[in-house]
């Protein structure tokens, strides 16, 4: 696989991570959950109080974070307690690092290959 293919292969995953974390409330939510260790996972009520938003808003944010696998829930009695999926968090870190990498894709490529030739007559 050449460098451009390697760069592009995870782009959809990278966009999903950035999209999920694009909201300040979701970022705060992840920060709270990153500091929780089993058995200290937090329920929606606790998260709503910490974030200063409604339980409904927390549930919607959690739904999106669960969709990319970053957050997991565990039923404990009447409540579901949430925590960060460490494996997925590590993968998100890798995807973010790759997306923001300054590594050159291909030194042979130049603007001249892709830009229309100005004033060129065919």
C-alpha atoms as a PDB file:
ATOM      1  CA  UNK A   1       0.000   0.000   0.000  1.00  0.00           C
ATOM      2  CA  UNK A   2       1.539   3.338  -0.964  1.00  0.00           C
ATOM      3  CA  UNK A   3       1.487   6.377   1.322  1.00  0.00           C
ATOM      4  CA  UNK A   4      -1.641   8.101  -0.089  1.00  0.00           C
ATOM      5  CA  UNK A   5      -3.671   4.901   0.298  1.00  0.00           C
ATOM      6  CA  UNK A   6      -2.397   4.504   3.855  1.00  0.00           C
ATOM      7  CA  UNK A   7      -3.378   8.093   4.606  1.00  0.00           C
ATOM      8  CA  UNK A   8      -6.881   7.698   3.156  1.00  0.00           C
ATOM      9  CA  UNK A   9      -7.748   4.267   4.540  1.00  0.00           C
ATOM     10  CA  UNK A  10      -8.930   5.541   7.950  1.00  0.00           C
ATOM     11  CA  UNK A  11     -10.424   8.844   6.841  1.00  0.00           C
ATOM     12  CA  UNK A  12     -14.061   7.798   7.443  1.00  0.00           C
ATOM     13  CA  UNK A  13     -13.173   6.549  10.917  1.00  0.00           C
ATOM     14  CA  UNK A  14     -11.249   9.750  11.620  1.00  0.00           C
ATOM     15  CA  UNK A  15     -14.202  11.873  10.506  1.00  0.00           C
ATOM     16  CA  UNK A  16     -16.503   9.840  12.758  1.00  0.00           C
ATOM     17  CA  UNK A  17     -14.279  10.455  15.777  1.00  0.00           C
ATOM     18  CA  UNK A  18     -13.933  14.172  15.048  1.00  0.00           C
ATOM     19  CA  UNK A  19     -17.688  14.459  14.458  1.00  0.00           C
ATOM     20  CA  UNK A  20     -18.524  12.708  17.705  1.00  0.00           C
ATOM     21  CA  UNK A  21     -16.124  14.896  19.663  1.00  0.00           C
ATOM     22  CA  UNK A  22     -17.023  18.154  17.899  1.00  0.00           C
ATOM     23  CA  UNK A  23     -19.513  19.163  20.575  1.00  0.00           C
ATOM     24  CA  UNK A  24     -18.176  20.821  23.773  1.00  0.00           C
ATOM     25  CA  UNK A  25     -20.672  18.953  25.960  1.00  0.00           C
ATOM     26  CA  UNK A  26     -19.561  15.601  24.532  1.00  0.00           C
ATOM     27  CA  UNK A  27     -15.931  16.543  25.156  1.00  0.00           C
ATOM     28  CA  UNK A  28     -16.757  17.364  28.790  1.00  0.00           C
ATOM     29  CA  UNK A  29     -18.698  14.114  29.054  1.00  0.00           C
ATOM     30  CA  UNK A  30     -15.710  12.124  27.799  1.00  0.00           C
ATOM     31  CA  UNK A  31     -13.407  13.962  30.212  1.00  0.00           C
ATOM     32  CA  UNK A  32     -15.649  13.021  33.162  1.00  0.00           C
ATOM     33  CA  UNK A  33     -15.908   9.429  32.013  1.00  0.00           C
ATOM     34  CA  UNK A  34     -12.151   9.108  31.393  1.00  0.00           C
ATOM     35  CA  UNK A  35     -11.560   9.746  35.068  1.00  0.00           C
ATOM     36  CA  UNK A  36     -14.005   7.046  36.149  1.00  0.00           C
ATOM     37  CA  UNK A  37     -12.790   3.562  36.896  1.00  0.00           C
ATOM     38  CA  UNK A  38     -14.957   0.565  37.588  1.00  0.00           C
ATOM     39  CA  UNK A  39     -16.875   0.433  39.925  1.00  0.00           C
ATOM     40  CA  UNK A  40     -17.180   4.238  39.831  1.00  0.00           C
ATOM     41  CA  UNK A  41     -18.949   4.574  36.483  1.00  0.00           C
ATOM     42  CA  UNK A  42     -21.547   7.348  36.333  1.00  0.00           C
ATOM     43  CA  UNK A  43     -25.262   7.178  35.554  1.00  0.00           C
ATOM     44  CA  UNK A  44     -27.165   9.697  33.391  1.00  0.00           C
ATOM     45  CA  UNK A  45     -28.470  11.533  36.480  1.00  0.00           C
ATOM     46  CA  UNK A  46     -24.963  12.098  37.838  1.00  0.00           C
ATOM     47  CA  UNK A  47     -23.631  13.132  34.421  1.00  0.00           C
ATOM     48  CA  UNK A  48     -26.504  15.589  33.937  1.00  0.00           C
ATOM     49  CA  UNK A  49     -25.735  17.187  37.291  1.00  0.00           C
ATOM     50  CA  UNK A  50     -22.006  17.411  36.582  1.00  0.00           C
ATOM     51  CA  UNK A  51     -22.556  18.882  33.117  1.00  0.00           C
ATOM     52  CA  UNK A  52     -25.445  21.176  34.041  1.00  0.00           C
ATOM     53  CA  UNK A  53     -27.664  19.840  31.242  1.00  0.00           C
ATOM     54  CA  UNK A  54     -30.837  17.765  31.142  1.00  0.00           C
ATOM     55  CA  UNK A  55     -30.876  13.991  31.429  1.00  0.00           C
ATOM     56  CA  UNK A  56     -32.347  13.900  27.933  1.00  0.00           C
ATOM     57  CA  UNK A  57     -29.396  15.871  26.540  1.00  0.00           C
ATOM     58  CA  UNK A  58     -26.926  13.539  28.255  1.00  0.00           C
ATOM     59  CA  UNK A  59     -28.754  10.515  26.833  1.00  0.00           C
ATOM     60  CA  UNK A  60     -28.541  11.935  23.308  1.00  0.00           C
ATOM     61  CA  UNK A  61     -24.825  12.644  23.670  1.00  0.00           C
ATOM     62  CA  UNK A  62     -24.207   9.176  25.098  1.00  0.00           C
ATOM     63  CA  UNK A  63     -26.112   7.609  22.197  1.00  0.00           C
ATOM     64  CA  UNK A  64     -23.739   9.208  19.720  1.00  0.00           C
ATOM     65  CA  UNK A  65     -20.641   8.253  21.706  1.00  0.00           C
ATOM     66  CA  UNK A  66     -21.899   4.679  22.067  1.00  0.00           C
ATOM     67  CA  UNK A  67     -22.462   4.530  18.295  1.00  0.00           C
ATOM     68  CA  UNK A  68     -18.710   4.853  17.686  1.00  0.00           C
ATOM     69  CA  UNK A  69     -18.015   2.486  20.592  1.00  0.00           C
ATOM     70  CA  UNK A  70     -16.235   5.077  22.724  1.00  0.00           C
ATOM     71  CA  UNK A  71     -18.661   4.724  25.635  1.00  0.00           C
ATOM     72  CA  UNK A  72     -20.119   1.569  27.136  1.00  0.00           C
ATOM     73  CA  UNK A  73     -22.940   1.166  29.612  1.00  0.00           C
ATOM     74  CA  UNK A  74     -23.571  -1.411  32.308  1.00  0.00           C
ATOM     75  CA  UNK A  75     -26.883  -1.950  34.062  1.00  0.00           C
ATOM     76  CA  UNK A  76     -26.643  -1.702  37.829  1.00  0.00           C
ATOM     77  CA  UNK A  77     -30.023  -2.040  39.450  1.00  0.00           C
ATOM     78  CA  UNK A  78     -32.410   0.503  37.936  1.00  0.00           C
ATOM     79  CA  UNK A  79     -29.696   2.609  36.333  1.00  0.00           C
ATOM     80  CA  UNK A  80     -27.157   2.203  33.574  1.00  0.00           C
ATOM     81  CA  UNK A  81     -23.680   3.401  34.503  1.00  0.00           C
ATOM     82  CA  UNK A  82     -21.353   4.600  31.758  1.00  0.00           C
ATOM     83  CA  UNK A  83     -17.613   4.456  31.264  1.00  0.00           C
ATOM     84  CA  UNK A  84     -15.097   4.901  28.466  1.00  0.00           C
ATOM     85  CA  UNK A  85     -14.120   1.882  26.402  1.00  0.00           C
ATOM     86  CA  UNK A  86     -10.322   2.079  26.810  1.00  0.00           C
ATOM     87  CA  UNK A  87      -9.596   0.028  23.677  1.00  0.00           C
ATOM     88  CA  UNK A  88     -11.678   2.357  21.517  1.00  0.00           C
ATOM     89  CA  UNK A  89     -10.211   5.416  23.246  1.00  0.00           C
ATOM     90  CA  UNK A  90      -6.739   4.179  22.294  1.00  0.00           C
ATOM     91  CA  UNK A  91      -7.923   3.653  18.697  1.00  0.00           C
ATOM     92  CA  UNK A  92      -9.380   7.209  18.664  1.00  0.00           C
ATOM     93  CA  UNK A  93      -6.012   8.554  19.800  1.00  0.00           C
ATOM     94  CA  UNK A  94      -4.301   6.688  16.957  1.00  0.00           C
ATOM     95  CA  UNK A  95      -6.812   7.955  14.399  1.00  0.00           C
ATOM     96  CA  UNK A  96      -6.447  11.531  15.645  1.00  0.00           C
ATOM     97  CA  UNK A  97      -2.658  11.341  15.565  1.00  0.00           C
ATOM     98  CA  UNK A  98      -2.749   9.918  12.029  1.00  0.00           C
ATOM     99  CA  UNK A  99      -5.175  12.593  10.830  1.00  0.00           C
ATOM    100  CA  UNK A 100      -2.997  15.392  12.199  1.00  0.00           C
ATOM    101  CA  UNK A 101       0.300  13.860  11.160  1.00  0.00           C
ATOM    102  CA  UNK A 102       2.791  16.046   9.373  1.00  0.00           C
ATOM    103  CA  UNK A 103       4.250  12.997   7.634  1.00  0.00           C
ATOM    104  CA  UNK A 104       4.764  13.559   3.924  1.00  0.00           C
ATOM    105  CA  UNK A 105       2.495  11.452   1.784  1.00  0.00           C
ATOM    106  CA  UNK A 106       4.620  11.295  -1.318  1.00  0.00           C
ATOM    107  CA  UNK A 107       7.529  13.581  -2.006  1.00  0.00           C
ATOM    108  CA  UNK A 108       7.242  13.088  -5.773  1.00  0.00           C
ATOM    109  CA  UNK A 109       3.874  14.809  -5.990  1.00  0.00           C
ATOM    110  CA  UNK A 110       3.713  18.470  -6.788  1.00  0.00           C
ATOM    111  CA  UNK A 111       1.114  21.120  -7.350  1.00  0.00           C
ATOM    112  CA  UNK A 112       1.910  21.107 -11.052  1.00  0.00           C
ATOM    113  CA  UNK A 113       0.475  17.595 -11.362  1.00  0.00           C
ATOM    114  CA  UNK A 114      -2.939  18.661 -10.103  1.00  0.00           C
ATOM    115  CA  UNK A 115      -3.390  22.325 -10.972  1.00  0.00           C
ATOM    116  CA  UNK A 116      -4.725  23.273 -14.382  1.00  0.00           C
ATOM    117  CA  UNK A 117      -2.060  24.717 -16.585  1.00  0.00           C
ATOM    118  CA  UNK A 118      -2.627  28.453 -16.769  1.00  0.00           C
ATOM    119  CA  UNK A 119      -2.350  29.740 -20.277  1.00  0.00           C
ATOM    120  CA  UNK A 120      -1.642  26.259 -21.663  1.00  0.00           C
ATOM    121  CA  UNK A 121      -2.740  25.774 -25.251  1.00  0.00           C
ATOM    122  CA  UNK A 122      -3.683  22.285 -26.392  1.00  0.00           C
END
